[in-house]
Amino acid sequence: MKLLSVLAIGLFSVAAHAGSVNMTCEEARADYNADGRIYVTTGSGDIVPIYGLVQSCPPYGQYMESPYWVRTTDNNTCVLGYRCIDNRD
């Protein structure tokens, strides 16, 4: 019974955050900034967390900022943050 309670709480917490497509861009950014993650729905329908993005990369010139965007109700390319990609190749 305890296990079922834990699973139910976990599922409801994912459902409560699931779907940046149900938020405006501003709401999605605020949700990400408040929780440090946001849940998005993939093309196959899976719900996955996105985390670890930064607002900018170190200014040393060896990193390229790669924007990470999600689809929201008001913007198909709402940028939540960036991934820093090493471009010293």
Foldseek 3Di string as FASTA:
>chain_A
DVVVVVVVVVVVVCVVQEDQQADDLVVQLVVCVVPQWGWYADPVGDIDIDHDFAADDDPPPQWDWDFDAPHYPHDRGRTNHTDTDGNPD
